[in-house]
């Protein structure tokens, strides 16, 4: 959260700038494709309550989770992508059918059509700029995923899985009281579990 006085006591703005450079530096398309497939395979091995999975359409240099989403879809799970509402609100997840067209939403990110059913995911694949080994993630600063996880967890169990390149790991993510911890982090190199 940005301090209105212009200071950044938690160091999040500086951490975001560094993390973005690190993630953007993973530019080799083959390396990115191999990482996406490795993350798909790691997710497929987890015993997740995957009756419904919320993912995301990759933006910029984010790890591409579409191979994982296609795996879950082929396994019979309902798969959904987020639809961004006004800043300060939780995301809504709508059913994603890869055979149907998507449209650019609020931030230019591809979203399912408004006619697609709303789904409450049991598993949520979460993008990030950086992560640490305590299950904390550094997001973009708008709070969409923290609000979304808080809202979903208030309604029932949901498993939050951060997906990232291994290079995005940092020693400690600066975090505040409203930051939602992840249950798992999956990279192309390893799978980390937090809590039980």
C-alpha atoms as a PDB file:
ATOM      1  CA  UNK A   1       0.000   0.000   0.000  1.00  0.00           C
ATOM      2  CA  UNK A   2       1.462   3.368  -0.989  1.00  0.00           C
ATOM      3  CA  UNK A   3       1.795   5.935   1.765  1.00  0.00           C
ATOM      4  CA  UNK A   4      -0.010   9.179   0.812  1.00  0.00           C
ATOM      5  CA  UNK A   5       2.952  11.179   2.152  1.00  0.00           C
ATOM      6  CA  UNK A   6       5.133   9.710  -0.551  1.00  0.00           C
ATOM      7  CA  UNK A   7       7.238   7.429   1.640  1.00  0.00           C
ATOM      8  CA  UNK A   8       7.278   3.680   1.272  1.00  0.00           C
ATOM      9  CA  UNK A   9       7.926   2.271   4.762  1.00  0.00           C
ATOM     10  CA  UNK A  10       7.628  -1.354   3.679  1.00  0.00           C
ATOM     11  CA  UNK A  11       9.890  -0.876   0.648  1.00  0.00           C
ATOM     12  CA  UNK A  12       7.287  -2.330  -1.716  1.00  0.00           C
ATOM     13  CA  UNK A  13       7.719   0.208  -4.513  1.00  0.00           C
ATOM     14  CA  UNK A  14      11.462  -0.353  -4.688  1.00  0.00           C
ATOM     15  CA  UNK A  15      10.992  -4.123  -4.424  1.00  0.00           C
ATOM     16  CA  UNK A  16       8.473  -4.057  -7.278  1.00  0.00           C
ATOM     17  CA  UNK A  17      10.848  -2.135  -9.522  1.00  0.00           C
ATOM     18  CA  UNK A  18      13.665  -4.630  -8.924  1.00  0.00           C
ATOM     19  CA  UNK A  19      11.368  -7.663  -9.229  1.00  0.00           C
ATOM     20  CA  UNK A  20       9.956  -6.444 -12.523  1.00  0.00           C
ATOM     21  CA  UNK A  21      13.480  -6.092 -13.977  1.00  0.00           C
ATOM     22  CA  UNK A  22      14.342  -9.621 -12.825  1.00  0.00           C
ATOM     23  CA  UNK A  23      11.203 -11.140 -14.322  1.00  0.00           C
ATOM     24  CA  UNK A  24      11.510  -9.139 -17.548  1.00  0.00           C
ATOM     25  CA  UNK A  25      15.085 -10.392 -17.951  1.00  0.00           C
ATOM     26  CA  UNK A  26      13.755 -13.921 -18.565  1.00  0.00           C
ATOM     27  CA  UNK A  27      13.401 -13.171 -22.249  1.00  0.00           C
ATOM     28  CA  UNK A  28      14.277 -16.426 -24.020  1.00  0.00           C
ATOM     29  CA  UNK A  29      10.984 -17.785 -25.445  1.00  0.00           C
ATOM     30  CA  UNK A  30      12.170 -21.403 -25.202  1.00  0.00           C
ATOM     31  CA  UNK A  31      13.106 -20.957 -21.542  1.00  0.00           C
ATOM     32  CA  UNK A  32       9.720 -19.370 -20.834  1.00  0.00           C
ATOM     33  CA  UNK A  33       7.868 -22.186 -22.652  1.00  0.00           C
ATOM     34  CA  UNK A  34       9.844 -24.878 -20.809  1.00  0.00           C
ATOM     35  CA  UNK A  35       9.084 -23.180 -17.482  1.00  0.00           C
ATOM     36  CA  UNK A  36       5.345 -23.004 -18.281  1.00  0.00           C
ATOM     37  CA  UNK A  37       5.288 -26.724 -19.104  1.00  0.00           C
ATOM     38  CA  UNK A  38       7.304 -27.624 -16.001  1.00  0.00           C
ATOM     39  CA  UNK A  39       4.888 -25.637 -13.810  1.00  0.00           C
ATOM     40  CA  UNK A  40       1.961 -27.400 -15.515  1.00  0.00           C
ATOM     41  CA  UNK A  41       3.525 -30.780 -14.726  1.00  0.00           C
ATOM     42  CA  UNK A  42       4.218 -29.836 -11.095  1.00  0.00           C
ATOM     43  CA  UNK A  43       0.644 -28.593 -10.630  1.00  0.00           C
ATOM     44  CA  UNK A  44      -0.702 -31.810 -12.169  1.00  0.00           C
ATOM     45  CA  UNK A  45       1.181 -33.829  -9.518  1.00  0.00           C
ATOM     46  CA  UNK A  46      -0.339 -31.958  -6.566  1.00  0.00           C
ATOM     47  CA  UNK A  47      -3.375 -33.331  -4.757  1.00  0.00           C
ATOM     48  CA  UNK A  48      -5.357 -30.114  -5.127  1.00  0.00           C
ATOM     49  CA  UNK A  49      -9.147 -29.874  -4.666  1.00  0.00           C
ATOM     50  CA  UNK A  50      -9.350 -28.898  -8.300  1.00  0.00           C
ATOM     51  CA  UNK A  51     -13.082 -29.067  -9.055  1.00  0.00           C
ATOM     52  CA  UNK A  52     -12.766 -25.449 -10.166  1.00  0.00           C
ATOM     53  CA  UNK A  53      -9.574 -23.554 -10.943  1.00  0.00           C
ATOM     54  CA  UNK A  54      -9.116 -19.822 -11.347  1.00  0.00           C
ATOM     55  CA  UNK A  55      -6.118 -18.740 -13.356  1.00  0.00           C
ATOM     56  CA  UNK A  56      -5.057 -15.656 -15.252  1.00  0.00           C
ATOM     57  CA  UNK A  57      -4.197 -14.567 -18.767  1.00  0.00           C
ATOM     58  CA  UNK A  58      -0.461 -13.733 -18.742  1.00  0.00           C
ATOM     59  CA  UNK A  59       0.383 -10.050 -18.850  1.00  0.00           C
ATOM     60  CA  UNK A  60       3.817  -8.953 -20.033  1.00  0.00           C
ATOM     61  CA  UNK A  61       6.508 -11.215 -18.635  1.00  0.00           C
ATOM     62  CA  UNK A  62       4.270 -13.209 -16.255  1.00  0.00           C
ATOM     63  CA  UNK A  63       4.680 -16.967 -16.314  1.00  0.00           C
ATOM     64  CA  UNK A  64       2.144 -18.413 -18.757  1.00  0.00           C
ATOM     65  CA  UNK A  65      -0.297 -20.651 -16.852  1.00  0.00           C
ATOM     66  CA  UNK A  66      -2.436 -21.442 -19.881  1.00  0.00           C
ATOM     67  CA  UNK A  67      -0.798 -24.896 -20.322  1.00  0.00           C
ATOM     68  CA  UNK A  68      -1.776 -25.678 -16.708  1.00  0.00           C
ATOM     69  CA  UNK A  69      -5.299 -24.333 -17.231  1.00  0.00           C
ATOM     70  CA  UNK A  70      -5.703 -26.499 -20.331  1.00  0.00           C
ATOM     71  CA  UNK A  71      -4.535 -29.517 -18.300  1.00  0.00           C
ATOM     72  CA  UNK A  72      -7.164 -28.841 -15.630  1.00  0.00           C
ATOM     73  CA  UNK A  73      -9.834 -28.280 -18.287  1.00  0.00           C
ATOM     74  CA  UNK A  74      -8.992 -31.602 -19.950  1.00  0.00           C
ATOM     75  CA  UNK A  75      -9.157 -33.271 -16.519  1.00  0.00           C
ATOM     76  CA  UNK A  76     -12.780 -32.123 -16.207  1.00  0.00           C
ATOM     77  CA  UNK A  77     -12.344 -29.094 -13.962  1.00  0.00           C
ATOM     78  CA  UNK A  78     -14.213 -25.853 -14.422  1.00  0.00           C
ATOM     79  CA  UNK A  79     -11.583 -23.263 -15.369  1.00  0.00           C
ATOM     80  CA  UNK A  80     -12.067 -19.532 -14.976  1.00  0.00           C
ATOM     81  CA  UNK A  81     -10.224 -16.304 -15.743  1.00  0.00           C
ATOM     82  CA  UNK A  82     -10.539 -13.062 -13.780  1.00  0.00           C
ATOM     83  CA  UNK A  83     -12.568 -10.072 -14.808  1.00  0.00           C
ATOM     84  CA  UNK A  84     -11.257  -6.825 -13.310  1.00  0.00           C
ATOM     85  CA  UNK A  85     -13.720  -4.426 -11.801  1.00  0.00           C
ATOM     86  CA  UNK A  86     -13.008  -1.010 -10.335  1.00  0.00           C
ATOM     87  CA  UNK A  87      -9.801  -0.597  -8.345  1.00  0.00           C
ATOM     88  CA  UNK A  88     -10.352  -1.639  -4.752  1.00  0.00           C
ATOM     89  CA  UNK A  89     -12.712  -4.517  -5.553  1.00  0.00           C
ATOM     90  CA  UNK A  90     -12.205  -8.272  -5.623  1.00  0.00           C
ATOM     91  CA  UNK A  91     -11.863 -10.053  -8.953  1.00  0.00           C
ATOM     92  CA  UNK A  92     -14.777 -11.968 -10.438  1.00  0.00           C
ATOM     93  CA  UNK A  93     -13.951 -15.249 -12.175  1.00  0.00           C
ATOM     94  CA  UNK A  94     -15.851 -16.276 -15.298  1.00  0.00           C
ATOM     95  CA  UNK A  95     -15.786 -19.648 -17.013  1.00  0.00           C
ATOM     96  CA  UNK A  96     -13.075 -19.845 -19.681  1.00  0.00           C
ATOM     97  CA  UNK A  97     -13.616 -21.886 -22.784  1.00  0.00           C
ATOM     98  CA  UNK A  98     -10.440 -21.798 -24.928  1.00  0.00           C
ATOM     99  CA  UNK A  99     -12.595 -22.360 -28.025  1.00  0.00           C
ATOM    100  CA  UNK A 100     -14.439 -19.073 -27.456  1.00  0.00           C
ATOM    101  CA  UNK A 101     -13.038 -15.603 -28.097  1.00  0.00           C
ATOM    102  CA  UNK A 102     -11.911 -13.379 -25.249  1.00  0.00           C
ATOM    103  CA  UNK A 103     -11.797  -9.601 -25.191  1.00  0.00           C
ATOM    104  CA  UNK A 104      -9.410  -7.067 -23.714  1.00  0.00           C
ATOM    105  CA  UNK A 105     -10.655  -5.932 -20.314  1.00  0.00           C
ATOM    106  CA  UNK A 106      -9.938  -3.036 -18.006  1.00  0.00           C
ATOM    107  CA  UNK A 107      -6.135  -3.364 -18.132  1.00  0.00           C
ATOM    108  CA  UNK A 108      -5.866  -4.755 -21.655  1.00  0.00           C
ATOM    109  CA  UNK A 109      -5.855  -8.314 -20.293  1.00  0.00           C
ATOM    110  CA  UNK A 110      -7.907 -10.938 -22.117  1.00  0.00           C
ATOM    111  CA  UNK A 111     -11.121 -11.827 -20.264  1.00  0.00           C
ATOM    112  CA  UNK A 112     -14.057 -14.165 -20.911  1.00  0.00           C
ATOM    113  CA  UNK A 113     -17.251 -12.606 -22.217  1.00  0.00           C
ATOM    114  CA  UNK A 114     -19.681 -11.212 -19.625  1.00  0.00           C
ATOM    115  CA  UNK A 115     -22.192 -13.885 -20.673  1.00  0.00           C
ATOM    116  CA  UNK A 116     -19.944 -16.679 -19.306  1.00  0.00           C
ATOM    117  CA  UNK A 117     -20.987 -18.065 -15.898  1.00  0.00           C
ATOM    118  CA  UNK A 118     -19.317 -16.816 -12.716  1.00  0.00           C
ATOM    119  CA  UNK A 119     -17.275 -19.505 -10.948  1.00  0.00           C
ATOM    120  CA  UNK A 120     -15.954 -19.537  -7.390  1.00  0.00           C
ATOM    121  CA  UNK A 121     -12.582 -21.267  -7.715  1.00  0.00           C
ATOM    122  CA  UNK A 122     -11.503 -23.935  -5.234  1.00  0.00           C
ATOM    123  CA  UNK A 123      -7.922 -23.410  -6.448  1.00  0.00           C
ATOM    124  CA  UNK A 124      -6.571 -20.023  -7.456  1.00  0.00           C
ATOM    125  CA  UNK A 125      -3.371 -19.695  -9.505  1.00  0.00           C
ATOM    126  CA  UNK A 126      -1.894 -16.325  -8.555  1.00  0.00           C
ATOM    127  CA  UNK A 127       0.577 -14.239 -10.582  1.00  0.00           C
ATOM    128  CA  UNK A 128       3.285 -12.304  -8.777  1.00  0.00           C
ATOM    129  CA  UNK A 129       6.387 -10.160  -9.086  1.00  0.00           C
ATOM    130  CA  UNK A 130       8.344 -11.838  -6.278  1.00  0.00           C
ATOM    131  CA  UNK A 131       7.899 -14.463  -3.558  1.00  0.00           C
ATOM    132  CA  UNK A 132       9.708 -15.692  -0.475  1.00  0.00           C
ATOM    133  CA  UNK A 133       9.886 -18.993   1.396  1.00  0.00           C
ATOM    134  CA  UNK A 134       7.310 -17.938   3.976  1.00  0.00           C
ATOM    135  CA  UNK A 135       4.533 -17.886   1.370  1.00  0.00           C
ATOM    136  CA  UNK A 136       4.402 -14.140   0.870  1.00  0.00           C
ATOM    137  CA  UNK A 137       4.005 -12.661  -2.607  1.00  0.00           C
ATOM    138  CA  UNK A 138       4.690  -9.242  -4.000  1.00  0.00           C
ATOM    139  CA  UNK A 139       1.954  -8.115  -6.362  1.00  0.00           C
ATOM    140  CA  UNK A 140       1.495  -5.021  -8.471  1.00  0.00           C
ATOM    141  CA  UNK A 141       0.140  -2.819  -5.693  1.00  0.00           C
ATOM    142  CA  UNK A 142      -3.538  -2.552  -6.612  1.00  0.00           C
ATOM    143  CA  UNK A 143      -4.534  -5.219  -4.066  1.00  0.00           C
ATOM    144  CA  UNK A 144      -6.797  -7.180  -6.415  1.00  0.00           C
ATOM    145  CA  UNK A 145      -5.515 -10.616  -5.417  1.00  0.00           C
ATOM    146  CA  UNK A 146      -5.319  -9.847  -1.700  1.00  0.00           C
ATOM    147  CA  UNK A 147      -8.942  -8.660  -1.732  1.00  0.00           C
ATOM    148  CA  UNK A 148      -9.957 -11.609  -3.873  1.00  0.00           C
ATOM    149  CA  UNK A 149      -8.301 -14.159  -1.588  1.00  0.00           C
ATOM    150  CA  UNK A 150      -9.777 -12.494   1.494  1.00  0.00           C
ATOM    151  CA  UNK A 151     -13.235 -12.585  -0.099  1.00  0.00           C
ATOM    152  CA  UNK A 152     -12.940 -16.184  -1.316  1.00  0.00           C
ATOM    153  CA  UNK A 153     -11.574 -17.413   2.024  1.00  0.00           C
ATOM    154  CA  UNK A 154     -14.466 -15.734   3.835  1.00  0.00           C
ATOM    155  CA  UNK A 155     -16.898 -17.847   1.757  1.00  0.00           C
ATOM    156  CA  UNK A 156     -15.131 -21.188   2.046  1.00  0.00           C
ATOM    157  CA  UNK A 157     -11.907 -23.054   1.500  1.00  0.00           C
ATOM    158  CA  UNK A 158      -9.715 -21.979  -1.397  1.00  0.00           C
ATOM    159  CA  UNK A 159      -6.131 -23.028  -2.142  1.00  0.00           C
ATOM    160  CA  UNK A 160      -3.926 -20.138  -3.290  1.00  0.00           C
ATOM    161  CA  UNK A 161      -1.026 -21.236  -5.481  1.00  0.00           C
ATOM    162  CA  UNK A 162       1.544 -18.653  -6.511  1.00  0.00           C
ATOM    163  CA  UNK A 163       3.113 -19.477  -9.858  1.00  0.00           C
ATOM    164  CA  UNK A 164       6.417 -17.959 -10.846  1.00  0.00           C
ATOM    165  CA  UNK A 165       9.837 -18.419 -12.326  1.00  0.00           C
ATOM    166  CA  UNK A 166      12.391 -19.630  -9.769  1.00  0.00           C
ATOM    167  CA  UNK A 167      14.384 -16.445 -10.424  1.00  0.00           C
ATOM    168  CA  UNK A 168      11.578 -14.422  -8.825  1.00  0.00           C
ATOM    169  CA  UNK A 169      12.426 -15.687  -5.337  1.00  0.00           C
ATOM    170  CA  UNK A 170      13.691 -13.082  -2.864  1.00  0.00           C
ATOM    171  CA  UNK A 171      14.948 -13.412   0.706  1.00  0.00           C
ATOM    172  CA  UNK A 172      11.930 -11.613   2.193  1.00  0.00           C
ATOM    173  CA  UNK A 173       8.921  -9.944   0.616  1.00  0.00           C
ATOM    174  CA  UNK A 174       7.939  -6.685   2.332  1.00  0.00           C
ATOM    175  CA  UNK A 175       4.408  -7.286   3.576  1.00  0.00           C
ATOM    176  CA  UNK A 176       1.658  -5.533   5.474  1.00  0.00           C
ATOM    177  CA  UNK A 177      -1.421  -6.538   7.469  1.00  0.00           C
ATOM    178  CA  UNK A 178      -3.693  -6.933   4.430  1.00  0.00           C
ATOM    179  CA  UNK A 179      -1.347  -9.160   2.424  1.00  0.00           C
ATOM    180  CA  UNK A 180      -2.744 -12.670   1.969  1.00  0.00           C
ATOM    181  CA  UNK A 181      -0.294 -15.546   2.341  1.00  0.00           C
ATOM    182  CA  UNK A 182      -0.140 -18.243  -0.338  1.00  0.00           C
ATOM    183  CA  UNK A 183      -0.702 -21.938   0.413  1.00  0.00           C
ATOM    184  CA  UNK A 184       1.721 -23.128  -2.273  1.00  0.00           C
ATOM    185  CA  UNK A 185       4.304 -21.678  -4.622  1.00  0.00           C
ATOM    186  CA  UNK A 186       5.165 -23.590  -7.770  1.00  0.00           C
ATOM    187  CA  UNK A 187       8.106 -22.742 -10.021  1.00  0.00           C
ATOM    188  CA  UNK A 188       9.765 -24.656 -12.824  1.00  0.00           C
ATOM    189  CA  UNK A 189      12.306 -25.955 -10.278  1.00  0.00           C
ATOM    190  CA  UNK A 190      10.343 -26.741  -7.114  1.00  0.00           C
ATOM    191  CA  UNK A 191       7.075 -26.868  -5.238  1.00  0.00           C
ATOM    192  CA  UNK A 192       6.779 -25.146  -1.861  1.00  0.00           C
ATOM    193  CA  UNK A 193       3.938 -25.742   0.599  1.00  0.00           C
ATOM    194  CA  UNK A 194       3.038 -23.515   3.551  1.00  0.00           C
ATOM    195  CA  UNK A 195       0.848 -24.268   6.548  1.00  0.00           C
ATOM    196  CA  UNK A 196      -0.556 -27.761   6.836  1.00  0.00           C
END
